[in-house]
Every structure is written in C-alpha cells, then in structure tokens.
Amino acid sequence: MKILIIEDDELMGAGLQSALNNADFDAEWVTDGQVALDLLSHACYRAAVLDITLPGLDGMALLKQLRASGSTLPVLMLTARDTTRDKVQCFEAGADDFLVKTTDIEELIARLHALIRRAGFVGRLQVGPLMLDADRHLVTLDDEALSLSNREFKLLRVLMESAGQVIARGKLAQLVFGSSHSNDSNVLEVHIHHLRQKIGEDSIKTVRGVGYILTKP
C-alpha cells in the first residue's frame, strides 16, 4: 500500500518511513510541500501523513489545495501542535485524522489502516480483460503487462472506477491533473490518445460536448 510521508524533519521522516515499510506499507518520503503536491497530483497513494510545519508550502496550505482539486485521499495530520484549535483547523482544512508527534508508531499505523478502510479504496480493478492493480502499480491486458506513465495509470484508474459511465471532461482532468490544469489545454486528449493506443482504440469513447467513458465488454 503506497503511503506518502510529508515531513521536513530528517530524523522523524526517516523513522516514519522505516517503520511504515516494516509494517508492509510502501512508504515514500518527501520534505517539501510543493514536491508533495506535485506527486499527489499524478501518482496513486492510499493515504498521506502530513506535517503542518513545512518550508515553502506548509501542510495546511497543501491540504487545502489538495481538497480544492477534488482529491479524497485520506490525510493524517502529524504535528507537534496539540491544542483543540489546532485540531479544529486541521479538520476544517480537510484532514481525516490528527495525531501529535509523541504518538506511538503502532497507533499511527492503526489509524492509517482505519482511514484506508473507511475510504473504501479498491486496490484491484478489472474491466473485461483489462486489470489494474494499484498496490503493484501494474496494468495487464489479456494477462500481458502494459507500460504506462504515472499520468496514464491514474487516468486509467479513474476511468475504470467509473466504467460504463460518462465522466465529464473537466472533472476527469481535475482528478488526473489537479487544479492547475487549464480547460484550454489539450493535455487530457493527448493522454487519452496514448492510452487508447495501449488498451484499444475503441475502449475509451468520446461523448462530444460532455466527456469520456470506458466501455464495458
């Protein structure tokens, strides 16, 4: 299960990454808020552990931008601050849980598992001969592995989660590229084109004036 840790304290970050990896998570650790936001906009994670105090883009601002982009990723705020007001501000910004840094690592792991369960994350999706395994970052077609970029993988995952249903172009672009995407850009169409070449030209239908649909066999 891929987890992103956003923590600028070297000792804390390294310790969290090691502990989560030992608990069978696939933990990635970054120290910069903007780098984290960019990763979250195109890579697939099951949850994030986010510190409030970060250089540049702080944790609260990062979380607000993440939620504004439409992301429902479970986020656990981990901070030295422990007042009621701090907790309220985190929840108002969109946090799913809040822990102080003195918390035992076993509790943090248990909280992460609970958040992921509540989110109802589906790690494996299948539409006909097309299979996507989010935990292994693997896509196969007729049992043959496909080579997809991170953005193509995320695009396919969103389409597969709503297979048989039309997804509006603007919503699809926001889910895949985040709030920075321009409606005037053709980057979504480029990725759709590349994805069709890999999974079949007729697999993704264009509904003119509306959006796209991944067809069911």
Protein backbone atom coordinates (compact mmCIF):
# COMPACT_ATOMS: atom_id res chain seq x y z
CA MET A 1 0.00 0.00 0.00
CA LYS A 2 1.63 3.23 -1.14
CA ILE A 3 1.81 5.95 1.52
CA LEU A 4 3.28 9.42 1.11
CA ILE A 5 5.03 10.96 4.12
CA ILE A 6 5.49 14.75 4.02
CA GLU A 7 7.84 15.67 6.84
CA ASP A 8 10.79 18.09 6.82
CA ASP A 9 12.44 16.76 9.99
CA GLU A 10 15.10 14.33 8.74
CA LEU A 11 15.09 12.11 11.83
CA MET A 12 11.29 11.96 12.05
CA GLY A 13 10.83 11.38 8.33
CA ALA A 14 13.39 8.59 8.12
CA GLY A 15 11.95 6.94 11.22
CA LEU A 16 8.40 7.04 9.89
CA GLN A 17 9.44 5.67 6.50
CA SER A 18 11.33 2.79 8.09
CA ALA A 19 8.50 1.94 10.50
CA LEU A 20 5.80 2.04 7.82
CA ASN A 21 7.87 -0.06 5.42
CA ASN A 22 8.36 -2.61 8.21
CA ALA A 23 4.57 -2.64 8.63
CA ASP A 24 4.14 -3.69 4.97
CA PHE A 25 3.40 -0.24 3.60
CA ASP A 26 5.27 1.13 0.60
CA ALA A 27 6.25 4.45 2.14
CA GLU A 28 7.66 7.32 0.12
CA TRP A 29 9.08 10.32 2.00
CA VAL A 30 9.48 13.93 0.85
CA THR A 31 10.44 17.04 2.80
CA ASP A 32 8.92 19.76 0.58
CA GLY A 33 5.24 20.69 0.40
CA GLN A 34 5.22 21.66 -3.27
CA VAL A 35 7.04 18.48 -4.26
CA ALA A 36 4.44 16.51 -2.30
CA LEU A 37 1.55 18.30 -4.01
CA ASP A 38 3.04 17.54 -7.43
CA LEU A 39 3.42 13.86 -6.51
CA LEU A 40 -0.13 13.66 -5.21
CA SER A 41 -1.43 15.15 -8.46
CA HIS A 42 -0.18 12.29 -10.64
CA ALA A 43 0.76 9.28 -8.50
CA CYS A 44 -1.53 6.82 -6.72
CA TYR A 45 -1.31 6.65 -2.94
CA ARG A 46 -3.57 5.02 -0.37
CA ALA A 47 -3.04 7.78 2.24
CA ALA A 48 -0.70 10.60 3.27
CA VAL A 49 0.95 11.50 6.57
CA LEU A 50 1.33 15.28 6.57
CA ASP A 51 3.26 17.60 8.88
CA ILE A 52 1.84 21.11 9.36
CA THR A 53 5.15 22.98 9.53
CA LEU A 54 6.91 22.68 6.18
CA PRO A 55 9.23 25.01 4.24
CA GLY A 56 7.56 26.97 1.45
CA LEU A 57 4.10 25.45 1.05
CA ASP A 58 3.08 24.46 4.57
CA GLY A 59 0.94 21.47 5.43
CA MET A 60 -2.29 23.39 5.91
CA ALA A 61 -1.99 25.17 2.56
CA LEU A 62 -1.06 21.90 0.86
CA LEU A 63 -4.11 20.16 2.30
CA LYS A 64 -6.45 22.96 1.22
CA GLN A 65 -5.09 22.84 -2.35
CA LEU A 66 -5.39 19.05 -2.39
CA ARG A 67 -9.05 19.18 -1.35
CA ALA A 68 -9.76 22.05 -3.79
CA SER A 69 -8.51 19.77 -6.59
CA GLY A 70 -11.22 17.24 -5.73
CA SER A 71 -8.91 14.70 -4.06
CA THR A 72 -10.46 12.48 -1.38
CA LEU A 73 -7.15 10.90 -0.39
CA PRO A 74 -7.11 10.07 3.34
CA VAL A 75 -4.76 12.51 5.10
CA LEU A 76 -3.45 12.07 8.62
CA MET A 77 -2.00 15.27 10.08
CA LEU A 78 1.05 14.63 12.25
CA THR A 79 2.31 17.63 14.19
CA ALA A 80 3.86 18.85 17.42
CA ARG A 81 0.86 21.15 17.90
CA ASP A 82 -1.79 19.65 20.15
CA THR A 83 -4.31 22.34 21.08
CA THR A 84 -8.00 21.97 20.35
CA ARG A 85 -7.80 24.93 17.97
CA ASP A 86 -5.02 23.24 16.01
CA LYS A 87 -7.14 20.11 15.63
CA VAL A 88 -10.18 22.11 14.54
CA GLN A 89 -8.16 23.98 11.90
CA CYS A 90 -6.80 20.71 10.51
CA PHE A 91 -10.26 19.17 10.23
CA GLU A 92 -11.68 22.35 8.70
CA ALA A 93 -8.91 22.23 6.07
CA GLY A 94 -9.88 18.68 5.15
CA ALA A 95 -7.82 16.38 7.37
CA ASP A 96 -9.23 12.92 8.11
CA ASP A 97 -7.28 12.38 11.34
CA PHE A 98 -4.88 14.19 13.67
CA LEU A 99 -2.02 12.89 15.79
CA VAL A 100 0.73 14.59 17.78
CA LYS A 101 4.33 13.57 17.12
CA THR A 102 4.68 11.92 20.51
CA THR A 103 2.16 9.28 19.40
CA ASP A 104 3.31 5.67 19.45
CA ILE A 105 4.05 4.38 15.94
CA GLU A 106 1.68 1.43 16.45
CA GLU A 107 -1.21 3.84 16.96
CA LEU A 108 -0.24 5.76 13.83
CA ILE A 109 -0.21 2.53 11.80
CA ALA A 110 -3.59 1.51 13.22
CA ARG A 111 -5.05 4.94 12.37
CA LEU A 112 -3.73 4.67 8.79
CA HIS A 113 -5.32 1.25 8.33
CA ALA A 114 -8.61 2.60 9.66
CA LEU A 115 -8.53 5.60 7.30
CA ILE A 116 -7.83 3.39 4.31
CA ARG A 117 -10.68 1.03 5.23
CA ARG A 118 -13.12 3.91 5.67
CA ALA A 119 -12.09 5.36 2.31
CA GLY A 120 -13.18 2.12 0.67
CA PHE A 121 -10.12 2.16 -1.56
CA VAL A 122 -10.23 -0.51 -4.25
CA GLY A 123 -6.72 -1.74 -4.88
CA ARG A 124 -7.62 -4.02 -7.79
CA LEU A 125 -9.95 -3.15 -10.67
CA GLN A 126 -10.99 -5.28 -13.62
CA VAL A 127 -13.00 -4.41 -16.73
CA GLY A 128 -13.15 -7.33 -19.13
CA PRO A 129 -9.58 -8.42 -19.99
CA LEU A 130 -8.18 -5.17 -18.55
CA MET A 131 -6.85 -5.36 -14.98
CA LEU A 132 -5.33 -2.63 -12.82
CA ASP A 133 -3.52 -3.40 -9.55
CA ALA A 134 -2.91 -0.14 -7.66
CA ASP A 135 -0.75 -1.71 -4.96
CA ARG A 136 1.69 -3.13 -7.53
CA HIS A 137 1.22 -0.23 -9.99
CA LEU A 138 0.51 -2.85 -12.64
CA VAL A 139 -1.85 -2.91 -15.62
CA THR A 140 -2.40 -6.00 -17.73
CA LEU A 141 -4.45 -6.62 -20.86
CA ASP A 142 -5.20 -10.27 -21.61
CA ASP A 143 -2.61 -11.09 -18.91
CA GLU A 144 0.09 -9.11 -20.74
CA ALA A 145 1.69 -6.27 -18.73
CA LEU A 146 1.36 -2.77 -20.21
CA SER A 147 3.86 0.07 -19.83
CA LEU A 148 2.01 3.19 -18.66
CA SER A 149 3.27 6.53 -17.41
CA ASN A 150 2.11 7.69 -13.97
CA ARG A 151 -0.44 10.03 -15.54
CA GLU A 152 -1.74 7.32 -17.89
CA PHE A 153 -2.04 4.96 -14.93
CA LYS A 154 -4.02 7.49 -12.89
CA LEU A 155 -6.23 8.35 -15.87
CA LEU A 156 -6.99 4.68 -16.48
CA ARG A 157 -7.73 4.10 -12.82
CA VAL A 158 -10.27 6.94 -12.75
CA LEU A 159 -11.92 5.64 -15.94
CA MET A 160 -12.03 2.07 -14.64
CA GLU A 161 -13.56 3.13 -11.33
CA SER A 162 -16.47 4.59 -13.32
CA ALA A 163 -16.50 2.04 -16.17
CA GLY A 164 -19.70 2.28 -18.20
CA GLN A 165 -20.39 5.83 -17.00
CA VAL A 166 -19.58 9.11 -18.70
CA ILE A 167 -17.09 11.29 -16.82
CA ALA A 168 -17.23 15.00 -17.64
CA ARG A 169 -14.07 16.27 -19.30
CA GLY A 170 -13.46 18.95 -16.66
CA LYS A 171 -13.93 16.55 -13.76
CA LEU A 172 -11.68 13.93 -15.35
CA ALA A 173 -8.94 16.48 -15.98
CA GLN A 174 -9.16 17.77 -12.41
CA LEU A 175 -8.96 14.27 -10.92
CA VAL A 176 -5.92 13.37 -13.02
CA PHE A 177 -4.01 16.65 -13.27
CA GLY A 178 -5.27 18.66 -10.31
CA SER A 179 -6.49 22.24 -10.03
CA SER A 180 -3.56 23.59 -12.07
CA HIS A 181 -4.99 22.10 -15.26
CA SER A 182 -6.26 24.61 -17.81
CA ASN A 183 -9.54 23.87 -19.55
CA ASP A 184 -8.00 25.24 -22.72
CA SER A 185 -5.19 22.69 -22.65
CA ASN A 186 -5.32 19.56 -24.83
CA VAL A 187 -3.11 17.56 -22.44
CA LEU A 188 -6.05 15.33 -21.44
CA GLU A 189 -6.77 14.50 -25.07
CA VAL A 190 -3.09 13.65 -25.62
CA HIS A 191 -3.13 11.22 -22.69
CA ILE A 192 -6.43 9.71 -23.84
CA HIS A 193 -4.87 9.17 -27.30
CA HIS A 194 -1.81 7.44 -25.83
CA LEU A 195 -3.97 5.30 -23.55
CA ARG A 196 -6.17 4.19 -26.45
CA GLN A 197 -3.09 3.06 -28.34
CA LYS A 198 -2.21 0.78 -25.44
CA ILE A 199 -5.60 -0.63 -24.38
CA GLY A 200 -7.52 -0.44 -27.67
CA GLU A 201 -8.83 2.39 -29.84
CA ASP A 202 -12.48 1.54 -29.10
CA SER A 203 -12.06 1.10 -25.36
CA ILE A 204 -12.49 4.79 -24.48
CA LYS A 205 -15.40 6.55 -26.16
CA THR A 206 -15.69 10.31 -26.58
CA VAL A 207 -19.10 11.76 -25.74
CA ARG A 208 -18.96 15.03 -27.64
CA GLY A 209 -19.54 18.10 -25.53
CA VAL A 210 -19.57 16.01 -22.34
CA GLY A 211 -16.55 13.82 -21.65
CA TYR A 212 -15.29 10.26 -21.87
CA ILE A 213 -16.42 6.74 -20.99
CA LEU A 214 -14.50 3.48 -20.60
CA THR A 215 -16.73 0.91 -22.27
CA LYS A 216 -17.56 -2.40 -20.69
CA PRO A 217 -17.25 -5.53 -22.86
